């Protein structure tokens, strides 16, 4: 069996190939974003929805309730500190 004849290359084929080759060489690859290192004692302000009874549990001993929530979250996450 003979294969069908190849169609002749056209100017648009060559242009498409040239554009693809140029784009692959000139397209800047995005740099990987470096992971943020967790710095001790640096805190970030966030908004967090907590059930009312859980919030009352931490607030019942007065000021420092945010630190107590943070300590409980660190313990649950398996972090020391």
N, C-alpha and C. Protein backbone atom coordinates (compact mmCIF):
# COMPACT_ATOMS: atom_id res chain seq x y z
N UNK A 1 0.82 -1.18 0.00
CA UNK A 1 0.00 0.00 0.00
C UNK A 1 0.87 1.24 0.00
N UNK A 2 0.41 2.18 -0.69
CA UNK A 2 1.13 3.43 -0.72
C UNK A 2 0.42 4.44 0.14
N UNK A 3 1.18 5.28 0.75
CA UNK A 3 0.57 6.31 1.58
C UNK A 3 0.10 7.46 0.70
N UNK A 4 -0.92 8.18 1.16
CA UNK A 4 -1.40 9.29 0.37
C UNK A 4 -0.32 10.36 0.26
N UNK A 5 -0.33 11.12 -0.79
CA UNK A 5 0.69 12.15 -0.93
C UNK A 5 0.56 13.21 0.15
N UNK A 6 1.69 13.69 0.61
CA UNK A 6 1.67 14.74 1.64
C UNK A 6 1.26 16.04 0.99
N UNK A 7 0.52 16.81 1.73
CA UNK A 7 0.14 18.09 1.16
C UNK A 7 1.35 19.00 1.25
N UNK A 8 1.49 19.89 0.35
CA UNK A 8 2.65 20.79 0.37
C UNK A 8 2.57 21.77 1.54
N UNK A 9 3.74 22.11 2.06
CA UNK A 9 3.79 23.10 3.14
C UNK A 9 3.35 24.44 2.61
N UNK A 10 2.61 25.13 3.44
CA UNK A 10 2.17 26.46 3.05
C UNK A 10 2.88 27.48 3.91
N UNK A 11 2.73 28.72 3.54
CA UNK A 11 3.34 29.80 4.29
C UNK A 11 2.77 29.87 5.70
N UNK A 12 1.48 29.59 5.87
CA UNK A 12 0.88 29.65 7.20
C UNK A 12 1.42 28.55 8.10
N UNK A 13 1.76 27.37 7.52
CA UNK A 13 2.36 26.29 8.31
C UNK A 13 3.72 26.74 8.85
N UNK A 14 4.51 27.31 8.00
CA UNK A 14 5.84 27.77 8.40
C UNK A 14 5.73 28.89 9.44
N UNK A 15 4.78 29.76 9.24
CA UNK A 15 4.60 30.87 10.19
C UNK A 15 4.18 30.33 11.56
N UNK A 16 3.26 29.39 11.56
CA UNK A 16 2.80 28.80 12.82
C UNK A 16 3.95 28.10 13.55
N UNK A 17 4.76 27.35 12.80
CA UNK A 17 5.91 26.66 13.41
C UNK A 17 6.93 27.66 13.95
N UNK A 18 7.18 28.71 13.22
CA UNK A 18 8.15 29.72 13.66
C UNK A 18 7.65 30.44 14.91
N UNK A 19 6.36 30.77 14.94
CA UNK A 19 5.80 31.44 16.12
C UNK A 19 5.88 30.53 17.34
N UNK A 20 5.59 29.25 17.16
CA UNK A 20 5.65 28.31 18.28
C UNK A 20 7.09 28.19 18.80
N UNK A 21 8.05 28.10 17.88
CA UNK A 21 9.45 28.00 18.29
C UNK A 21 9.90 29.27 19.02
N UNK A 22 9.52 30.43 18.51
CA UNK A 22 9.90 31.70 19.13
C UNK A 22 9.26 31.83 20.51
N UNK A 23 7.99 31.46 20.60
CA UNK A 23 7.29 31.58 21.88
C UNK A 23 7.92 30.68 22.94
N UNK A 24 8.28 29.47 22.55
CA UNK A 24 8.88 28.55 23.53
C UNK A 24 10.23 29.06 24.04
N UNK A 25 10.94 29.82 23.21
CA UNK A 25 12.25 30.33 23.63
C UNK A 25 12.15 31.64 24.39
N UNK A 26 11.11 32.41 24.15
CA UNK A 26 11.02 33.73 24.77
C UNK A 26 10.04 33.81 25.93
N UNK A 27 9.24 32.77 26.13
CA UNK A 27 8.28 32.79 27.23
C UNK A 27 9.02 32.59 28.54
N UNK A 28 8.84 33.52 29.45
CA UNK A 28 9.51 33.44 30.74
C UNK A 28 8.75 32.47 31.64
N UNK A 29 9.46 31.52 32.17
CA UNK A 29 8.86 30.54 33.07
C UNK A 29 8.66 31.20 34.43
N UNK A 30 7.48 31.02 35.04
CA UNK A 30 7.26 31.62 36.36
C UNK A 30 8.17 30.97 37.40
N UNK A 31 8.73 31.81 38.24
CA UNK A 31 9.61 31.29 39.29
C UNK A 31 8.75 30.74 40.42
N UNK A 32 9.23 29.71 41.04
CA UNK A 32 8.51 29.12 42.16
C UNK A 32 8.49 30.11 43.32
N UNK A 33 7.34 30.22 43.95
CA UNK A 33 7.21 31.12 45.09
C UNK A 33 7.85 30.44 46.30
N UNK A 34 8.81 31.10 46.92
CA UNK A 34 9.45 30.47 48.07
C UNK A 34 8.45 30.32 49.22
N UNK A 35 8.55 29.21 49.90
CA UNK A 35 7.66 28.96 51.03
C UNK A 35 8.00 29.92 52.16
N UNK A 36 6.97 30.43 52.80
CA UNK A 36 7.19 31.33 53.93
C UNK A 36 7.69 30.52 55.12
N UNK A 37 8.73 30.98 55.71
CA UNK A 37 9.23 30.33 56.91
C UNK A 37 8.43 30.85 58.10
N UNK A 38 7.97 29.94 58.93
CA UNK A 38 7.22 30.35 60.11
C UNK A 38 8.19 30.96 61.11
N UNK A 39 7.96 32.20 61.43
CA UNK A 39 8.82 32.89 62.38
C UNK A 39 8.18 32.82 63.76
N UNK A 40 8.94 32.45 64.77
CA UNK A 40 8.37 32.40 66.11
C UNK A 40 7.97 33.80 66.56
N UNK A 41 6.89 33.86 67.25
CA UNK A 41 6.34 35.08 67.85
C UNK A 41 5.81 36.08 66.83
N UNK A 42 5.72 35.70 65.56
CA UNK A 42 5.10 36.56 64.57
C UNK A 42 3.68 36.07 64.39
N UNK A 43 2.74 36.95 64.59
CA UNK A 43 1.34 36.57 64.50
C UNK A 43 0.68 37.28 63.34
N UNK A 44 -0.33 36.62 62.81
CA UNK A 44 -1.06 37.17 61.68
C UNK A 44 -2.51 37.35 62.08
N UNK A 45 -3.07 38.49 61.73
CA UNK A 45 -4.46 38.79 62.04
C UNK A 45 -5.35 38.03 61.07
N UNK A 46 -6.27 37.23 61.61
CA UNK A 46 -7.21 36.47 60.78
C UNK A 46 -8.61 36.62 61.35
N UNK A 47 -9.58 36.32 60.55
CA UNK A 47 -10.96 36.27 60.99
C UNK A 47 -11.35 34.81 61.05
N UNK A 48 -11.91 34.38 62.17
CA UNK A 48 -12.19 32.96 62.38
C UNK A 48 -13.55 32.81 63.02
N UNK A 49 -14.38 31.94 62.48
CA UNK A 49 -15.70 31.69 63.07
C UNK A 49 -15.58 30.50 64.01
N UNK A 50 -15.92 30.74 65.28
CA UNK A 50 -15.85 29.71 66.32
C UNK A 50 -17.22 29.62 66.97
N UNK A 51 -17.63 28.40 67.30
CA UNK A 51 -18.90 28.22 67.99
C UNK A 51 -18.90 29.03 69.29
N UNK A 52 -20.05 29.58 69.63
CA UNK A 52 -20.17 30.45 70.80
C UNK A 52 -19.73 29.76 72.08
N UNK A 53 -20.12 28.49 72.26
CA UNK A 53 -19.76 27.79 73.50
C UNK A 53 -18.24 27.57 73.60
N UNK A 54 -17.58 27.36 72.47
CA UNK A 54 -16.13 27.19 72.48
C UNK A 54 -15.46 28.52 72.84
N UNK A 55 -15.94 29.60 72.26
CA UNK A 55 -15.39 30.92 72.57
C UNK A 55 -15.58 31.24 74.06
N UNK A 56 -16.78 30.97 74.60
CA UNK A 56 -17.04 31.22 76.02
C UNK A 56 -16.12 30.41 76.91
N UNK A 57 -15.81 29.17 76.50
CA UNK A 57 -14.90 28.33 77.28
C UNK A 57 -13.53 29.00 77.43
N UNK A 58 -13.00 29.55 76.35
CA UNK A 58 -11.69 30.18 76.41
C UNK A 58 -11.75 31.55 77.07
N UNK A 59 -12.87 32.25 76.99
CA UNK A 59 -12.98 33.59 77.57
C UNK A 59 -13.33 33.57 79.06
N UNK A 60 -13.78 32.45 79.59
CA UNK A 60 -14.26 32.42 80.98
C UNK A 60 -13.16 32.74 81.99
N UNK A 61 -11.89 32.50 81.66
CA UNK A 61 -10.79 32.79 82.58
C UNK A 61 -10.23 34.19 82.40
N UNK A 62 -10.91 35.03 81.60
CA UNK A 62 -10.49 36.41 81.45
C UNK A 62 -9.52 36.64 80.32
N UNK A 63 -8.75 37.72 80.47
CA UNK A 63 -7.84 38.10 79.39
C UNK A 63 -6.83 36.99 79.11
N UNK A 64 -6.31 37.00 77.89
CA UNK A 64 -5.39 35.96 77.47
C UNK A 64 -6.10 34.83 76.74
N UNK A 65 -7.40 35.01 76.49
CA UNK A 65 -8.16 33.94 75.85
C UNK A 65 -7.66 33.65 74.43
N UNK A 66 -7.17 34.67 73.74
CA UNK A 66 -6.65 34.44 72.39
C UNK A 66 -5.38 33.59 72.45
N UNK A 67 -4.55 33.83 73.45
CA UNK A 67 -3.34 33.02 73.63
C UNK A 67 -3.71 31.58 73.95
N UNK A 68 -4.77 31.38 74.74
CA UNK A 68 -5.20 30.03 75.08
C UNK A 68 -5.73 29.31 73.84
N UNK A 69 -6.48 30.01 73.00
CA UNK A 69 -6.95 29.40 71.76
C UNK A 69 -5.76 29.04 70.88
N UNK A 70 -4.79 29.94 70.78
CA UNK A 70 -3.60 29.68 69.97
C UNK A 70 -2.84 28.45 70.49
N UNK A 71 -2.71 28.35 71.81
CA UNK A 71 -2.01 27.19 72.40
C UNK A 71 -2.76 25.90 72.11
N UNK A 72 -4.09 25.94 72.19
CA UNK A 72 -4.89 24.74 71.89
C UNK A 72 -4.76 24.34 70.42
N UNK A 73 -4.74 25.33 69.55
CA UNK A 73 -4.59 25.04 68.12
C UNK A 73 -3.20 24.49 67.81
N UNK A 74 -2.17 25.04 68.48
CA UNK A 74 -0.81 24.52 68.28
C UNK A 74 -0.72 23.07 68.73
N UNK A 75 -1.35 22.77 69.86
CA UNK A 75 -1.33 21.40 70.38
C UNK A 75 -2.06 20.47 69.41
N UNK A 76 -3.21 20.90 68.91
CA UNK A 76 -3.98 20.08 67.96
C UNK A 76 -3.22 19.88 66.65
N UNK A 77 -2.41 20.86 66.27
CA UNK A 77 -1.62 20.74 65.03
C UNK A 77 -0.32 19.98 65.24
N UNK A 78 -0.04 19.58 66.48
CA UNK A 78 1.19 18.84 66.76
C UNK A 78 2.42 19.71 66.79
N UNK A 79 2.24 20.99 67.06
CA UNK A 79 3.36 21.93 67.12
C UNK A 79 3.74 22.16 68.57
N UNK A 80 5.01 22.40 68.80
CA UNK A 80 5.45 22.74 70.15
C UNK A 80 5.59 24.24 70.25
N UNK A 81 5.68 24.72 71.43
CA UNK A 81 5.95 26.14 71.55
C UNK A 81 5.06 26.78 72.50
